[in-house]
Amino acid sequence: MQSLETELENARALDTDDLADAIETIGFECTRCGACCKAEADDAHTATVFPDEVRDLQAATEYDWRDVARPMPYGLDGEGNADADDTTDAEPAGETFEWALQTDSCGDCTFYEETDDGTGACSVHGDRPLICETYPFSVALGGTSQPMGEAVDEEGVVRAHECEGLGRDISREDAEDLAAALKERAVRELREAIAVRDEYAPAEPDDGVVVHDSEGAKRPDGSAYEG
């Protein structure tokens, strides 16, 4: 397995023309089905978001941090610190290493809206995070996110994940825009992973959750964790 630093150099060396060629070959057009924004079965929608993207969404919506993002649930203790005889749902506790977009009571992305004709819409489309901008694609580099399960198609280093819009014609201009965003996301993800690794210090919260991101340890409301 290559180091994160090596994978970062590989990401920076990605040729956007090659990425655009791969995207054109696979083909893609968003059908606005909303599947990538909604809960899947019993699993809530989970899309990673960088801390500065959370702030951008805050600025665009005037929401609080918690309204925009939640701690990535994977690895957290769902039992929290509740007493054994507590009959209420306990809050999660522990450490996690990413932020995810907040969800509504149905498990859908909090920014997802469904129009009268049944198609999906993003209420913050112009400010959406890179993971949303580049879905359903990812690049085959260690340390980068691979959303929504296994790849269903591959072309070079480009992976395509399940989406009903795959296989449709895409213009060269749109493919190039998507390729540039895909490269940017790969670089950002690896820089984030390196910073999290370098900044990490074990946290032992008495209660609740600590999120480690590239800016240090935080509480779920985005404030700094003072261990």
C-alpha atoms as a PDB file:
ATOM      1  CA  MET A   1       0.000   0.000   0.000  1.00  0.00           C
ATOM      2  CA  GLN A   2       1.386   3.373  -0.998  1.00  0.00           C
ATOM      3  CA  SER A   3       1.733   6.174   1.528  1.00  0.00           C
ATOM      4  CA  LEU A   4      -0.789   8.999   1.595  1.00  0.00           C
ATOM      5  CA  GLU A   5       1.955  11.367   0.453  1.00  0.00           C
ATOM      6  CA  THR A   6       2.625   9.210  -2.610  1.00  0.00           C
ATOM      7  CA  GLU A   7      -1.090   8.992  -3.377  1.00  0.00           C
ATOM      8  CA  LEU A   8      -1.320  12.792  -3.041  1.00  0.00           C
ATOM      9  CA  GLU A   9       1.412  13.202  -5.643  1.00  0.00           C
ATOM     10  CA  ASN A  10      -0.466  10.717  -7.862  1.00  0.00           C
ATOM     11  CA  ALA A  11      -3.630  12.799  -7.447  1.00  0.00           C
ATOM     12  CA  ARG A  12      -1.826  16.019  -8.316  1.00  0.00           C
ATOM     13  CA  ALA A  13      -0.417  14.319 -11.425  1.00  0.00           C
ATOM     14  CA  LEU A  14      -3.822  13.229 -12.735  1.00  0.00           C
ATOM     15  CA  ASP A  15      -4.402  14.469 -16.272  1.00  0.00           C
ATOM     16  CA  THR A  16      -7.824  16.096 -16.495  1.00  0.00           C
ATOM     17  CA  ASP A  17      -8.006  15.375 -20.231  1.00  0.00           C
ATOM     18  CA  ASP A  18      -7.561  11.671 -19.486  1.00  0.00           C
ATOM     19  CA  LEU A  19     -10.194  11.867 -16.774  1.00  0.00           C
ATOM     20  CA  ALA A  20     -12.575  13.636 -19.155  1.00  0.00           C
ATOM     21  CA  ASP A  21     -11.918  10.944 -21.808  1.00  0.00           C
ATOM     22  CA  ALA A  22     -12.832   8.259 -19.262  1.00  0.00           C
ATOM     23  CA  ILE A  23     -15.998  10.097 -18.197  1.00  0.00           C
ATOM     24  CA  GLU A  24     -17.025  10.490 -21.848  1.00  0.00           C
ATOM     25  CA  THR A  25     -16.443   6.785 -22.469  1.00  0.00           C
ATOM     26  CA  ILE A  26     -18.543   5.758 -19.480  1.00  0.00           C
ATOM     27  CA  GLY A  27     -21.152   8.443 -20.149  1.00  0.00           C
ATOM     28  CA  PHE A  28     -23.317  10.273 -17.657  1.00  0.00           C
ATOM     29  CA  GLU A  29     -26.290  12.603 -17.411  1.00  0.00           C
ATOM     30  CA  CYS A  30     -28.067  13.441 -14.159  1.00  0.00           C
ATOM     31  CA  THR A  31     -31.702  12.302 -14.353  1.00  0.00           C
ATOM     32  CA  ARG A  32     -32.624  14.089 -11.102  1.00  0.00           C
ATOM     33  CA  CYS A  33     -33.898  10.826  -9.667  1.00  0.00           C
ATOM     34  CA  GLY A  34     -32.658  11.880  -6.225  1.00  0.00           C
ATOM     35  CA  ALA A  35     -31.274   8.433  -5.370  1.00  0.00           C
ATOM     36  CA  CYS A  36     -27.852   9.820  -4.436  1.00  0.00           C
ATOM     37  CA  CYS A  37     -29.457  12.262  -1.979  1.00  0.00           C
ATOM     38  CA  LYS A  38     -31.853   9.903  -0.223  1.00  0.00           C
ATOM     39  CA  ALA A  39     -31.601   7.224   2.438  1.00  0.00           C
ATOM     40  CA  GLU A  40     -31.020   3.708   1.175  1.00  0.00           C
ATOM     41  CA  ALA A  41     -33.105   1.017   2.883  1.00  0.00           C
ATOM     42  CA  ASP A  42     -32.460   1.518   6.600  1.00  0.00           C
ATOM     43  CA  ASP A  43     -29.217   3.463   6.069  1.00  0.00           C
ATOM     44  CA  ALA A  44     -29.281   7.254   6.264  1.00  0.00           C
ATOM     45  CA  HIS A  45     -27.716   9.251   3.436  1.00  0.00           C
ATOM     46  CA  THR A  46     -23.992   9.597   4.091  1.00  0.00           C
ATOM     47  CA  ALA A  47     -21.828  12.032   2.100  1.00  0.00           C
ATOM     48  CA  THR A  48     -18.490  13.328   3.341  1.00  0.00           C
ATOM     49  CA  VAL A  49     -17.953  17.068   3.585  1.00  0.00           C
ATOM     50  CA  PHE A  50     -14.805  19.091   4.322  1.00  0.00           C
ATOM     51  CA  PRO A  51     -14.872  21.562   7.233  1.00  0.00           C
ATOM     52  CA  ASP A  52     -14.490  24.584   4.937  1.00  0.00           C
ATOM     53  CA  GLU A  53     -17.395  23.262   2.831  1.00  0.00           C
ATOM     54  CA  VAL A  54     -19.507  23.188   5.997  1.00  0.00           C
ATOM     55  CA  ARG A  55     -18.712  26.866   6.536  1.00  0.00           C
ATOM     56  CA  ASP A  56     -19.515  27.655   2.888  1.00  0.00           C
ATOM     57  CA  LEU A  57     -22.911  26.012   3.322  1.00  0.00           C
ATOM     58  CA  GLN A  58     -23.427  27.899   6.576  1.00  0.00           C
ATOM     59  CA  ALA A  59     -22.740  31.163   4.754  1.00  0.00           C
ATOM     60  CA  ALA A  60     -25.105  30.217   1.933  1.00  0.00           C
ATOM     61  CA  THR A  61     -27.941  29.209   4.259  1.00  0.00           C
ATOM     62  CA  GLU A  62     -27.250  30.973   7.582  1.00  0.00           C
ATOM     63  CA  TYR A  63     -27.635  27.555   9.223  1.00  0.00           C
ATOM     64  CA  ASP A  64     -25.827  26.412  12.347  1.00  0.00           C
ATOM     65  CA  TRP A  65     -22.993  23.903  11.983  1.00  0.00           C
ATOM     66  CA  ARG A  66     -25.225  21.073  13.248  1.00  0.00           C
ATOM     67  CA  ASP A  67     -27.846  21.936  10.626  1.00  0.00           C
ATOM     68  CA  VAL A  68     -25.273  21.407   7.878  1.00  0.00           C
ATOM     69  CA  ALA A  69     -23.112  18.542   9.078  1.00  0.00           C
ATOM     70  CA  ARG A  70     -23.070  15.642  11.499  1.00  0.00           C
ATOM     71  CA  PRO A  71     -20.248  13.432  12.755  1.00  0.00           C
ATOM     72  CA  MET A  72     -19.591  10.516  10.435  1.00  0.00           C
ATOM     73  CA  PRO A  73     -21.451   7.718  12.236  1.00  0.00           C
ATOM     74  CA  TYR A  74     -19.108   4.852  11.393  1.00  0.00           C
ATOM     75  CA  GLY A  75     -17.173   3.597  14.395  1.00  0.00           C
ATOM     76  CA  LEU A  76     -19.192   5.495  16.988  1.00  0.00           C
ATOM     77  CA  ASP A  77     -20.658   3.754  19.991  1.00  0.00           C
ATOM     78  CA  GLY A  78     -24.390   3.953  19.480  1.00  0.00           C
ATOM     79  CA  GLU A  79     -25.009   3.052  23.104  1.00  0.00           C
ATOM     80  CA  GLY A  80     -23.362   6.258  24.229  1.00  0.00           C
ATOM     81  CA  ASN A  81     -22.992   6.502  28.006  1.00  0.00           C
ATOM     82  CA  ALA A  82     -26.586   5.742  28.856  1.00  0.00           C
ATOM     83  CA  ASP A  83     -27.366   3.760  31.968  1.00  0.00           C
ATOM     84  CA  ALA A  84     -28.279   0.150  31.445  1.00  0.00           C
ATOM     85  CA  ASP A  85     -31.862   0.790  32.597  1.00  0.00           C
ATOM     86  CA  ASP A  86     -32.300   3.872  30.403  1.00  0.00           C
ATOM     87  CA  THR A  87     -35.205   3.220  28.042  1.00  0.00           C
ATOM     88  CA  THR A  88     -34.587   6.265  25.825  1.00  0.00           C
ATOM     89  CA  ASP A  89     -32.440   6.267  22.709  1.00  0.00           C
ATOM     90  CA  ALA A  90     -28.880   7.026  23.808  1.00  0.00           C
ATOM     91  CA  GLU A  91     -26.766   9.594  22.040  1.00  0.00           C
ATOM     92  CA  PRO A  92     -23.733   8.218  20.166  1.00  0.00           C
ATOM     93  CA  ALA A  93     -20.305   8.590  21.731  1.00  0.00           C
ATOM     94  CA  GLY A  94     -16.684   8.161  20.739  1.00  0.00           C
ATOM     95  CA  GLU A  95     -14.276   9.410  18.091  1.00  0.00           C
ATOM     96  CA  THR A  96     -14.768   9.698  14.348  1.00  0.00           C
ATOM     97  CA  PHE A  97     -12.703  11.184  11.539  1.00  0.00           C
ATOM     98  CA  GLU A  98     -15.020  12.840   9.042  1.00  0.00           C
ATOM     99  CA  TRP A  99     -18.077  15.021   8.739  1.00  0.00           C
ATOM    100  CA  ALA A 100     -21.150  13.948   6.809  1.00  0.00           C
ATOM    101  CA  LEU A 101     -23.917  16.123   5.428  1.00  0.00           C
ATOM    102  CA  GLN A 102     -26.799  16.408   7.857  1.00  0.00           C
ATOM    103  CA  THR A 103     -29.934  14.348   7.246  1.00  0.00           C
ATOM    104  CA  ASP A 104     -33.621  14.903   7.906  1.00  0.00           C
ATOM    105  CA  SER A 105     -35.971  12.670   9.882  1.00  0.00           C
ATOM    106  CA  CYS A 106     -36.299  10.344   6.870  1.00  0.00           C
ATOM    107  CA  GLY A 107     -32.538   9.918   6.522  1.00  0.00           C
ATOM    108  CA  ASP A 108     -32.390  11.995   3.316  1.00  0.00           C
ATOM    109  CA  CYS A 109     -29.860  14.785   2.823  1.00  0.00           C
ATOM    110  CA  THR A 110     -31.174  17.850   4.621  1.00  0.00           C
ATOM    111  CA  PHE A 111     -30.720  19.898   1.428  1.00  0.00           C
ATOM    112  CA  TYR A 112     -32.711  17.507  -0.770  1.00  0.00           C
ATOM    113  CA  GLU A 113     -36.053  18.684  -2.078  1.00  0.00           C
ATOM    114  CA  GLU A 114     -38.549  16.875  -4.249  1.00  0.00           C
ATOM    115  CA  THR A 115     -40.421  18.901  -6.827  1.00  0.00           C
ATOM    116  CA  ASP A 116     -44.078  18.510  -7.769  1.00  0.00           C
ATOM    117  CA  ASP A 117     -43.164  16.358 -10.784  1.00  0.00           C
ATOM    118  CA  GLY A 118     -41.304  13.881  -8.560  1.00  0.00           C
ATOM    119  CA  THR A 119     -37.778  14.833  -9.602  1.00  0.00           C
ATOM    120  CA  GLY A 120     -35.099  15.674  -7.062  1.00  0.00           C
ATOM    121  CA  ALA A 121     -33.530  19.050  -6.466  1.00  0.00           C
ATOM    122  CA  CYS A 122     -30.685  20.327  -4.291  1.00  0.00           C
ATOM    123  CA  SER A 123     -31.531  23.514  -2.415  1.00  0.00           C
ATOM    124  CA  VAL A 124     -27.821  24.473  -2.303  1.00  0.00           C
ATOM    125  CA  HIS A 125     -26.839  23.246  -5.751  1.00  0.00           C
ATOM    126  CA  GLY A 126     -24.480  26.135  -6.461  1.00  0.00           C
ATOM    127  CA  ASP A 127     -22.657  25.564  -3.177  1.00  0.00           C
ATOM    128  CA  ARG A 128     -22.833  21.769  -3.032  1.00  0.00           C
ATOM    129  CA  PRO A 129     -19.745  19.899  -1.768  1.00  0.00           C
ATOM    130  CA  LEU A 130     -17.287  18.264  -4.139  1.00  0.00           C
ATOM    131  CA  ILE A 131     -18.533  14.778  -3.319  1.00  0.00           C
ATOM    132  CA  CYS A 132     -21.955  15.792  -4.618  1.00  0.00           C
ATOM    133  CA  GLU A 133     -20.576  17.676  -7.611  1.00  0.00           C
ATOM    134  CA  THR A 134     -18.592  14.631  -8.760  1.00  0.00           C
ATOM    135  CA  TYR A 135     -21.072  11.829  -8.042  1.00  0.00           C
ATOM    136  CA  PRO A 136     -21.239   9.079  -9.354  1.00  0.00           C
ATOM    137  CA  PHE A 137     -17.492   9.135 -10.067  1.00  0.00           C
ATOM    138  CA  SER A 138     -14.382   8.585  -7.983  1.00  0.00           C
ATOM    139  CA  VAL A 139     -10.723   7.868  -8.706  1.00  0.00           C
ATOM    140  CA  ALA A 140      -8.894   4.657  -7.852  1.00  0.00           C
ATOM    141  CA  LEU A 141      -6.400   6.102  -5.387  1.00  0.00           C
ATOM    142  CA  GLY A 142      -5.868   4.991  -1.812  1.00  0.00           C
ATOM    143  CA  GLY A 143      -7.091   7.486   0.765  1.00  0.00           C
ATOM    144  CA  THR A 144      -9.946   8.801  -1.398  1.00  0.00           C
ATOM    145  CA  SER A 145     -13.669   8.268  -0.832  1.00  0.00           C
ATOM    146  CA  GLN A 146     -15.504   5.553  -2.718  1.00  0.00           C
ATOM    147  CA  PRO A 147     -19.167   6.531  -2.386  1.00  0.00           C
ATOM    148  CA  MET A 148     -22.253   4.357  -2.428  1.00  0.00           C
ATOM    149  CA  GLY A 149     -20.726   0.893  -2.586  1.00  0.00           C
ATOM    150  CA  GLU A 150     -18.629  -0.889  -5.147  1.00  0.00           C
ATOM    151  CA  ALA A 151     -17.862   0.537  -8.574  1.00  0.00           C
ATOM    152  CA  VAL A 152     -20.116  -0.703 -11.384  1.00  0.00           C
ATOM    153  CA  ASP A 153     -17.860   0.523 -14.209  1.00  0.00           C
ATOM    154  CA  GLU A 154     -14.216   1.533 -14.577  1.00  0.00           C
ATOM    155  CA  GLU A 155     -12.193   3.316 -17.224  1.00  0.00           C
ATOM    156  CA  GLY A 156      -8.530   3.855 -16.380  1.00  0.00           C
ATOM    157  CA  VAL A 157      -8.413   5.311 -12.853  1.00  0.00           C
ATOM    158  CA  VAL A 158     -12.008   6.545 -13.041  1.00  0.00           C
ATOM    159  CA  ARG A 159     -14.615   4.521 -11.203  1.00  0.00           C
ATOM    160  CA  ALA A 160     -18.364   4.882 -11.707  1.00  0.00           C
ATOM    161  CA  HIS A 161     -20.772   4.004  -8.914  1.00  0.00           C
ATOM    162  CA  GLU A 162     -24.384   2.945  -9.181  1.00  0.00           C
ATOM    163  CA  CYS A 163     -26.528   5.616 -10.833  1.00  0.00           C
ATOM    164  CA  GLU A 164     -29.301   5.428 -13.403  1.00  0.00           C
ATOM    165  CA  GLY A 165     -27.680   8.309 -15.323  1.00  0.00           C
ATOM    166  CA  LEU A 166     -24.607   6.270 -16.292  1.00  0.00           C
ATOM    167  CA  GLY A 167     -24.190   5.369 -19.969  1.00  0.00           C
ATOM    168  CA  ARG A 168     -25.857   8.523 -21.259  1.00  0.00           C
ATOM    169  CA  ASP A 169     -24.193  10.998 -23.599  1.00  0.00           C
ATOM    170  CA  ILE A 170     -22.213  13.786 -21.975  1.00  0.00           C
ATOM    171  CA  SER A 171     -20.774  16.832 -23.717  1.00  0.00           C
ATOM    172  CA  ARG A 172     -17.030  17.366 -23.774  1.00  0.00           C
ATOM    173  CA  GLU A 173     -17.420  20.598 -21.829  1.00  0.00           C
ATOM    174  CA  ASP A 174     -19.401  18.900 -19.067  1.00  0.00           C
ATOM    175  CA  ALA A 175     -16.936  15.996 -18.985  1.00  0.00           C
ATOM    176  CA  GLU A 176     -14.036  18.422 -18.594  1.00  0.00           C
ATOM    177  CA  ASP A 177     -15.785  20.313 -15.795  1.00  0.00           C
ATOM    178  CA  LEU A 178     -16.536  17.043 -14.028  1.00  0.00           C
ATOM    179  CA  ALA A 179     -12.952  15.853 -14.524  1.00  0.00           C
ATOM    180  CA  ALA A 180     -11.530  19.037 -12.999  1.00  0.00           C
ATOM    181  CA  ALA A 181     -13.812  18.708  -9.972  1.00  0.00           C
ATOM    182  CA  LEU A 182     -12.920  15.014  -9.637  1.00  0.00           C
ATOM    183  CA  LYS A 183      -9.205  15.794  -9.559  1.00  0.00           C
ATOM    184  CA  GLU A 184      -9.754  18.615  -7.068  1.00  0.00           C
ATOM    185  CA  ARG A 185     -11.725  16.289  -4.830  1.00  0.00           C
ATOM    186  CA  ALA A 186      -9.035  13.589  -4.915  1.00  0.00           C
ATOM    187  CA  VAL A 187      -6.356  16.119  -3.964  1.00  0.00           C
ATOM    188  CA  ARG A 188      -8.509  17.616  -1.218  1.00  0.00           C
ATOM    189  CA  GLU A 189      -9.381  14.219   0.259  1.00  0.00           C
ATOM    190  CA  LEU A 190      -5.744  13.190   0.460  1.00  0.00           C
ATOM    191  CA  ARG A 191      -4.646  16.519   1.936  1.00  0.00           C
ATOM    192  CA  GLU A 192      -7.421  16.159   4.498  1.00  0.00           C
ATOM    193  CA  ALA A 193      -6.384  12.586   5.338  1.00  0.00           C
ATOM    194  CA  ILE A 194      -2.743  13.614   5.822  1.00  0.00           C
ATOM    195  CA  ALA A 195      -3.690  16.566   8.022  1.00  0.00           C
ATOM    196  CA  VAL A 196      -6.034  14.430  10.141  1.00  0.00           C
ATOM    197  CA  ARG A 197      -3.273  11.876  10.634  1.00  0.00           C
ATOM    198  CA  ASP A 198      -0.732  14.513  11.569  1.00  0.00           C
ATOM    199  CA  GLU A 199      -3.075  16.457  13.882  1.00  0.00           C
ATOM    200  CA  TYR A 200      -4.585  13.439  15.604  1.00  0.00           C
ATOM    201  CA  ALA A 201      -4.266  13.033  19.335  1.00  0.00           C
ATOM    202  CA  PRO A 202      -6.465  10.477  21.117  1.00  0.00           C
ATOM    203  CA  ALA A 203      -9.494  12.044  22.765  1.00  0.00           C
ATOM    204  CA  GLU A 204     -11.237  10.616  25.778  1.00  0.00           C
ATOM    205  CA  PRO A 205     -14.485  12.558  26.031  1.00  0.00           C
ATOM    206  CA  ASP A 206     -16.537  11.991  29.161  1.00  0.00           C
ATOM    207  CA  ASP A 207     -19.593  12.005  26.942  1.00  0.00           C
ATOM    208  CA  GLY A 208     -20.620  12.689  23.366  1.00  0.00           C
ATOM    209  CA  VAL A 209     -18.604  12.654  20.167  1.00  0.00           C
ATOM    210  CA  VAL A 210     -15.278  14.097  19.050  1.00  0.00           C
ATOM    211  CA  VAL A 211     -14.673  14.585  15.320  1.00  0.00           C
ATOM    212  CA  HIS A 212     -11.071  14.761  14.110  1.00  0.00           C
ATOM    213  CA  ASP A 213     -10.652  16.767  10.924  1.00  0.00           C
ATOM    214  CA  SER A 214      -7.800  18.684   9.281  1.00  0.00           C
ATOM    215  CA  GLU A 215      -8.319  21.601  11.651  1.00  0.00           C
ATOM    216  CA  GLY A 216      -8.105  19.544  14.830  1.00  0.00           C
ATOM    217  CA  ALA A 217     -10.587  17.912  17.185  1.00  0.00           C
ATOM    218  CA  LYS A 218     -14.127  19.281  17.299  1.00  0.00           C
ATOM    219  CA  ARG A 219     -17.400  18.762  19.055  1.00  0.00           C
ATOM    220  CA  PRO A 220     -20.496  18.014  16.911  1.00  0.00           C
ATOM    221  CA  ASP A 221     -21.406  21.726  16.893  1.00  0.00           C
ATOM    222  CA  GLY A 222     -18.091  22.531  15.177  1.00  0.00           C
ATOM    223  CA  SER A 223     -16.485  24.065  18.267  1.00  0.00           C
ATOM    224  CA  ALA A 224     -12.981  23.035  19.292  1.00  0.00           C
ATOM    225  CA  TYR A 225     -12.696  20.065  21.631  1.00  0.00           C
ATOM    226  CA  GLU A 226     -10.747  20.929  24.736  1.00  0.00           C
ATOM    227  CA  GLY A 227      -9.510  17.598  26.053  1.00  0.00           C
END
